[in-house]
């Protein structure tokens, strides 16, 4: 029997919670998993390292995108597969891979699904599975995480997004694979590993998490009118047709800003930065996914 470890964000729940997770695992023959509960996602990496040191052959992450990101940051390159039980608000990484927010189904996938080898992104030494964002989306996520997201769910992003539309743009110089690609003012920079980034909206139409590339998008929209036009095109899957969007794909992205700007990784805000070094780590992570994914 595979030695299974569970790293769980104790503040996140679905269905019958962690009690049900233990029961379902036992029904599938995992009676005594290595078990680690953390109060915050940032506490997860230490427990993942401990699980790997204790011989875990499968690590199941219970939580949202923030918890999954903290886990994969450690697990990329380890050769140990990651299972996911999505218990967060958005669950973008799991959703893009077809993993449902259902304990029974998610456990079946973790224990018996297909192991898919995926890329991860690396920004200033921190890995991500979904996206990295600078500017507008990072401010939106920071404000939503200030207690609002847990209270009203995804609508928190709409509310905080509207608040941040008027934020001052920043100067950005972006080099992709050694060539200057963008040198102007921007409101938002997105680097995606998957296509669906915001509540099911497809920001990068042709994104694949196993093609050895990262998607890069820059939004230059300013003010309510331009942002409304941009978001309307994004909502119907045609963001690349917006006059306020530029997009490409690359293995390496170097971003230099004219001032320190807030950024985020997989829905978790980080400290402000003026320089970002981003690269793809191709085939670095094994994830348990449905057979049809």
Protein backbone atom coordinates (compact mmCIF):
# COMPACT_ATOMS: atom_id res chain seq x y z
CA UNK A 1 0.00 0.00 0.00
CA UNK A 2 1.26 3.46 -0.91
CA UNK A 3 2.40 5.53 2.08
CA UNK A 4 0.01 8.49 2.03
CA UNK A 5 0.42 11.86 3.72
CA UNK A 6 -2.28 14.51 4.16
CA UNK A 7 -1.35 18.18 4.53
CA UNK A 8 -4.56 20.01 5.45
CA UNK A 9 -5.44 23.66 5.93
CA UNK A 10 -7.56 23.30 9.07
CA UNK A 11 -9.52 26.46 8.29
CA UNK A 12 -10.89 25.16 4.96
CA UNK A 13 -13.73 22.69 4.61
CA UNK A 14 -16.11 20.97 2.21
CA UNK A 15 -18.68 18.24 2.79
CA UNK A 16 -18.15 16.53 6.12
CA UNK A 17 -14.74 18.13 6.57
CA UNK A 18 -11.57 16.40 7.70
CA UNK A 19 -13.57 13.79 9.63
CA UNK A 20 -15.10 12.64 6.36
CA UNK A 21 -11.71 12.72 4.66
CA UNK A 22 -10.31 10.32 7.26
CA UNK A 23 -13.32 8.03 6.82
CA UNK A 24 -13.08 7.97 3.03
CA UNK A 25 -9.34 7.30 3.12
CA UNK A 26 -9.92 4.39 5.52
CA UNK A 27 -12.59 2.97 3.21
CA UNK A 28 -9.97 3.02 0.46
CA UNK A 29 -7.47 1.13 2.61
CA UNK A 30 -5.53 4.10 4.01
CA UNK A 31 -6.20 3.64 7.72
CA UNK A 32 -3.17 5.46 9.12
CA UNK A 33 -2.01 8.25 6.81
CA UNK A 34 0.70 10.65 7.87
CA UNK A 35 -1.44 13.56 9.02
CA UNK A 36 -0.50 17.23 9.24
CA UNK A 37 -2.90 20.09 9.91
CA UNK A 38 -1.85 23.73 9.53
CA UNK A 39 -3.70 26.93 10.54
CA UNK A 40 -2.40 28.92 7.55
CA UNK A 41 -1.23 27.89 4.08
CA UNK A 42 2.20 29.40 4.68
CA UNK A 43 2.74 26.75 7.36
CA UNK A 44 2.29 23.92 4.85
CA UNK A 45 5.82 23.75 3.31
CA UNK A 46 7.43 22.64 6.57
CA UNK A 47 4.89 19.81 6.90
CA UNK A 48 5.33 18.74 3.27
CA UNK A 49 9.08 18.50 3.82
CA UNK A 50 8.46 16.43 6.93
CA UNK A 51 6.11 14.13 5.00
CA UNK A 52 8.68 13.58 2.26
CA UNK A 53 11.41 12.94 4.85
CA UNK A 54 9.15 10.33 6.50
CA UNK A 55 8.78 8.46 3.23
CA UNK A 56 5.46 9.68 1.84
CA UNK A 57 4.85 8.25 -1.62
CA UNK A 58 1.76 10.43 -2.18
CA UNK A 59 0.93 13.80 -0.61
CA UNK A 60 -2.71 14.90 -0.56
CA UNK A 61 -3.24 18.65 -0.17
CA UNK A 62 -6.53 19.73 1.46
CA UNK A 63 -7.31 23.41 0.94
CA UNK A 64 -7.51 26.11 -1.68
CA UNK A 65 -5.06 27.34 -4.30
CA UNK A 66 -2.86 28.94 -1.66
CA UNK A 67 -2.37 25.63 0.15
CA UNK A 68 -1.78 23.76 -3.11
CA UNK A 69 0.80 26.36 -4.18
CA UNK A 70 2.68 26.04 -0.90
CA UNK A 71 2.71 22.25 -1.30
CA UNK A 72 3.81 22.14 -4.93
CA UNK A 73 6.54 24.70 -4.20
CA UNK A 74 8.22 21.99 -2.12
CA UNK A 75 7.14 18.96 -4.15
CA UNK A 76 8.24 20.10 -7.62
CA UNK A 77 11.26 18.04 -8.60
CA UNK A 78 10.76 15.52 -5.78
CA UNK A 79 9.20 12.80 -7.95
CA UNK A 80 6.43 12.33 -5.37
CA UNK A 81 2.93 12.81 -6.81
CA UNK A 82 0.47 15.39 -5.46
CA UNK A 83 -3.20 14.65 -4.87
CA UNK A 84 -5.68 17.46 -4.28
CA UNK A 85 -8.92 17.72 -2.33
CA UNK A 86 -10.16 21.20 -3.32
CA UNK A 87 -11.55 22.89 -0.21
CA UNK A 88 -10.97 26.56 -1.02
CA UNK A 89 -12.93 29.36 -2.66
CA UNK A 90 -11.72 29.34 -6.26
CA UNK A 91 -9.75 26.05 -6.54
CA UNK A 92 -8.40 27.13 -9.92
CA UNK A 93 -5.58 24.58 -10.17
CA UNK A 94 -7.90 21.68 -9.38
CA UNK A 95 -10.64 22.99 -11.66
CA UNK A 96 -8.28 23.30 -14.62
CA UNK A 97 -7.28 19.65 -14.06
CA UNK A 98 -10.85 18.37 -13.70
CA UNK A 99 -10.62 17.56 -9.98
CA UNK A 100 -14.03 18.15 -8.35
CA UNK A 101 -14.77 19.70 -4.95
CA UNK A 102 -16.10 16.39 -3.66
CA UNK A 103 -14.23 14.42 -1.02
CA UNK A 104 -15.12 10.93 -2.29
CA UNK A 105 -14.32 11.71 -5.92
CA UNK A 106 -11.16 13.68 -5.12
CA UNK A 107 -9.79 10.85 -2.96
CA UNK A 108 -10.53 8.29 -5.68
CA UNK A 109 -8.58 10.45 -8.13
CA UNK A 110 -5.68 10.91 -5.70
CA UNK A 111 -5.41 7.17 -5.01
CA UNK A 112 -6.34 5.75 -8.39
CA UNK A 113 -6.23 8.48 -10.99
CA UNK A 114 -3.70 9.11 -13.72
CA UNK A 115 -0.39 10.70 -12.75
CA UNK A 116 0.15 13.62 -15.10
CA UNK A 117 3.51 15.36 -15.41
CA UNK A 118 3.05 19.14 -15.42
CA UNK A 119 5.09 22.31 -15.65
CA UNK A 120 5.29 24.86 -12.86
CA UNK A 121 6.33 28.49 -12.95
CA UNK A 122 9.04 29.95 -10.76
CA UNK A 123 8.93 33.60 -9.72
CA UNK A 124 11.86 34.93 -7.70
CA UNK A 125 12.40 31.44 -6.29
CA UNK A 126 8.76 30.62 -5.50
CA UNK A 127 6.89 28.07 -7.61
CA UNK A 128 3.30 28.39 -8.80
CA UNK A 129 0.86 26.16 -10.64
CA UNK A 130 -1.85 28.55 -11.81
CA UNK A 131 -0.58 32.07 -12.28
CA UNK A 132 1.46 35.01 -11.11
CA UNK A 133 0.01 38.50 -11.31
CA UNK A 134 1.30 42.03 -10.84
CA UNK A 135 -0.80 45.12 -10.19
CA UNK A 136 -4.58 45.08 -10.52
CA UNK A 137 -5.23 41.39 -9.86
CA UNK A 138 -2.81 41.27 -6.91
CA UNK A 139 -4.55 44.24 -5.25
CA UNK A 140 -7.93 42.64 -5.93
CA UNK A 141 -6.84 39.37 -4.31
CA UNK A 142 -5.22 41.12 -1.33
CA UNK A 143 -8.42 42.99 -0.54
CA UNK A 144 -10.59 39.89 -1.02
CA UNK A 145 -8.38 37.92 1.35
CA UNK A 146 -8.91 40.49 4.12
CA UNK A 147 -11.74 38.35 5.55
CA UNK A 148 -14.18 39.15 2.75
CA UNK A 149 -13.53 36.05 0.63
CA UNK A 150 -14.41 33.64 3.43
CA UNK A 151 -17.62 35.56 4.10
CA UNK A 152 -19.13 36.03 0.64
CA UNK A 153 -17.03 33.73 -1.57
CA UNK A 154 -16.15 34.52 -5.19
CA UNK A 155 -18.24 37.68 -5.33
CA UNK A 156 -15.54 39.20 -3.10
CA UNK A 157 -13.28 39.33 -6.17
CA UNK A 158 -15.88 41.32 -8.10
CA UNK A 159 -16.27 43.79 -5.25
CA UNK A 160 -12.56 44.33 -4.66
CA UNK A 161 -11.85 44.37 -8.40
CA UNK A 162 -14.21 47.29 -8.84
CA UNK A 163 -12.44 49.12 -6.01
CA UNK A 164 -9.01 48.72 -7.64
CA UNK A 165 -9.87 49.72 -11.23
CA UNK A 166 -8.77 53.29 -10.52
CA UNK A 167 -5.31 52.30 -9.29
CA UNK A 168 -2.40 54.18 -10.85
CA UNK A 169 -0.69 52.31 -13.74
CA UNK A 170 3.03 51.52 -13.47
CA UNK A 171 5.90 51.56 -15.93
CA UNK A 172 7.07 48.11 -17.00
CA UNK A 173 9.84 46.74 -19.18
CA UNK A 174 9.39 43.06 -20.01
CA UNK A 175 11.89 40.80 -21.72
CA UNK A 176 10.72 37.40 -22.97
CA UNK A 177 13.34 34.79 -23.84
CA UNK A 178 16.02 37.46 -24.08
CA UNK A 179 14.14 39.98 -26.25
CA UNK A 180 12.40 43.18 -25.16
CA UNK A 181 8.70 42.58 -25.74
CA UNK A 182 6.97 45.36 -23.79
CA UNK A 183 8.18 48.78 -22.62
CA UNK A 184 5.29 51.03 -21.56
CA UNK A 185 2.80 51.64 -18.75
CA UNK A 186 0.57 48.79 -17.58
CA UNK A 187 -2.25 48.17 -15.13
CA UNK A 188 -1.75 44.42 -14.80
CA UNK A 189 0.74 41.73 -15.80
CA UNK A 190 -0.33 38.09 -15.77
CA UNK A 191 1.80 34.99 -16.23
CA UNK A 192 -0.30 31.84 -16.53
CA UNK A 193 0.44 28.13 -16.51
CA UNK A 194 -3.21 27.21 -17.19
CA UNK A 195 -6.03 28.87 -19.13
CA UNK A 196 -8.85 29.51 -16.64
CA UNK A 197 -7.70 32.07 -14.12
CA UNK A 198 -10.72 33.87 -12.69
CA UNK A 199 -13.79 31.91 -11.65
CA UNK A 200 -14.00 29.94 -14.88
CA UNK A 201 -13.07 32.81 -17.21
CA UNK A 202 -10.56 31.68 -19.81
CA UNK A 203 -7.79 34.30 -19.79
CA UNK A 204 -5.35 32.30 -21.95
CA UNK A 205 -7.20 30.36 -24.63
CA UNK A 206 -4.43 28.00 -25.74
CA UNK A 207 -2.64 27.51 -22.40
CA UNK A 208 -1.45 24.00 -21.55
CA UNK A 209 0.30 23.14 -18.28
CA UNK A 210 2.61 20.65 -19.95
CA UNK A 211 3.88 22.48 -23.06
CA UNK A 212 7.09 23.87 -21.54
CA UNK A 213 5.90 27.47 -21.85
CA UNK A 214 4.20 30.11 -19.71
CA UNK A 215 1.54 32.45 -21.03
CA UNK A 216 2.23 36.17 -20.63
CA UNK A 217 -0.41 38.90 -20.75
CA UNK A 218 -0.22 42.65 -20.18
CA UNK A 219 -3.28 44.83 -19.65
CA UNK A 220 -2.91 48.55 -20.37
CA UNK A 221 -6.54 49.50 -19.64
CA UNK A 222 -7.10 52.54 -17.43
CA UNK A 223 -10.34 53.63 -15.82
CA UNK A 224 -13.78 52.06 -15.72
CA UNK A 225 -14.62 52.29 -19.45
CA UNK A 226 -11.44 50.65 -20.74
CA UNK A 227 -11.51 47.99 -18.04
CA UNK A 228 -15.15 47.23 -18.78
CA UNK A 229 -14.33 46.68 -22.46
CA UNK A 230 -11.37 44.47 -21.56
CA UNK A 231 -13.27 42.34 -19.06
CA UNK A 232 -16.21 41.95 -21.44
CA UNK A 233 -13.94 40.45 -24.10
CA UNK A 234 -12.24 38.25 -21.52
CA UNK A 235 -15.59 36.96 -20.31
CA UNK A 236 -16.41 35.63 -23.78
CA UNK A 237 -12.95 34.13 -24.26
CA UNK A 238 -11.57 36.78 -26.59
CA UNK A 239 -9.21 38.77 -24.39
CA UNK A 240 -6.56 38.75 -27.12
CA UNK A 241 -8.92 40.84 -29.31
CA UNK A 242 -8.92 43.70 -26.81
CA UNK A 243 -6.88 46.79 -27.81
CA UNK A 244 -5.78 46.97 -24.18
CA UNK A 245 -4.28 43.46 -24.02
CA UNK A 246 -1.00 42.09 -25.36
CA UNK A 247 -0.10 38.42 -25.03
CA UNK A 248 2.70 35.99 -25.83
CA UNK A 249 4.31 32.86 -24.38
CA UNK A 250 7.83 32.25 -23.16
CA UNK A 251 10.21 30.10 -21.16
CA UNK A 252 11.79 33.02 -19.33
CA UNK A 253 10.32 36.42 -18.44
CA UNK A 254 12.22 39.30 -16.87
CA UNK A 255 10.10 42.17 -15.52
CA UNK A 256 11.47 45.51 -14.38
CA UNK A 257 9.01 48.04 -12.93
CA UNK A 258 9.38 51.76 -12.29
CA UNK A 259 8.39 51.28 -8.64
CA UNK A 260 7.60 48.46 -6.21
CA UNK A 261 4.23 46.91 -7.07
CA UNK A 262 2.16 44.25 -5.29
CA UNK A 263 2.21 40.77 -6.86
CA UNK A 264 0.48 37.45 -6.21
CA UNK A 265 1.06 33.75 -6.72
CA UNK A 266 -1.90 31.39 -7.22
CA UNK A 267 -4.27 33.76 -5.46
CA UNK A 268 -2.02 34.61 -2.52
CA UNK A 269 -0.64 38.14 -2.30
CA UNK A 270 3.07 38.69 -1.67
CA UNK A 271 5.25 41.66 -0.76
CA UNK A 272 5.75 44.42 -3.31
CA UNK A 273 8.62 44.03 -5.76
CA UNK A 274 10.31 46.09 -8.46
CA UNK A 275 12.05 43.23 -10.30
CA UNK A 276 10.61 39.82 -11.16
CA UNK A 277 12.51 36.87 -12.63
CA UNK A 278 10.09 34.23 -13.93
CA UNK A 279 10.81 30.91 -15.63
CA UNK A 280 9.05 27.68 -16.45
CA UNK A 281 10.21 24.43 -14.83
CA UNK A 282 9.09 21.97 -17.47
CA UNK A 283 7.77 18.60 -16.27
CA UNK A 284 8.66 19.34 -12.64
CA UNK A 285 5.48 18.10 -10.92
CA UNK A 286 3.39 14.92 -10.91
CA UNK A 287 -0.29 15.47 -10.11
CA UNK A 288 -3.05 12.87 -9.75
CA UNK A 289 -5.83 13.75 -12.21
CA UNK A 290 -8.97 12.07 -13.59
CA UNK A 291 -8.32 9.59 -16.37
CA UNK A 292 -10.19 11.83 -18.81
CA UNK A 293 -8.27 15.02 -17.94
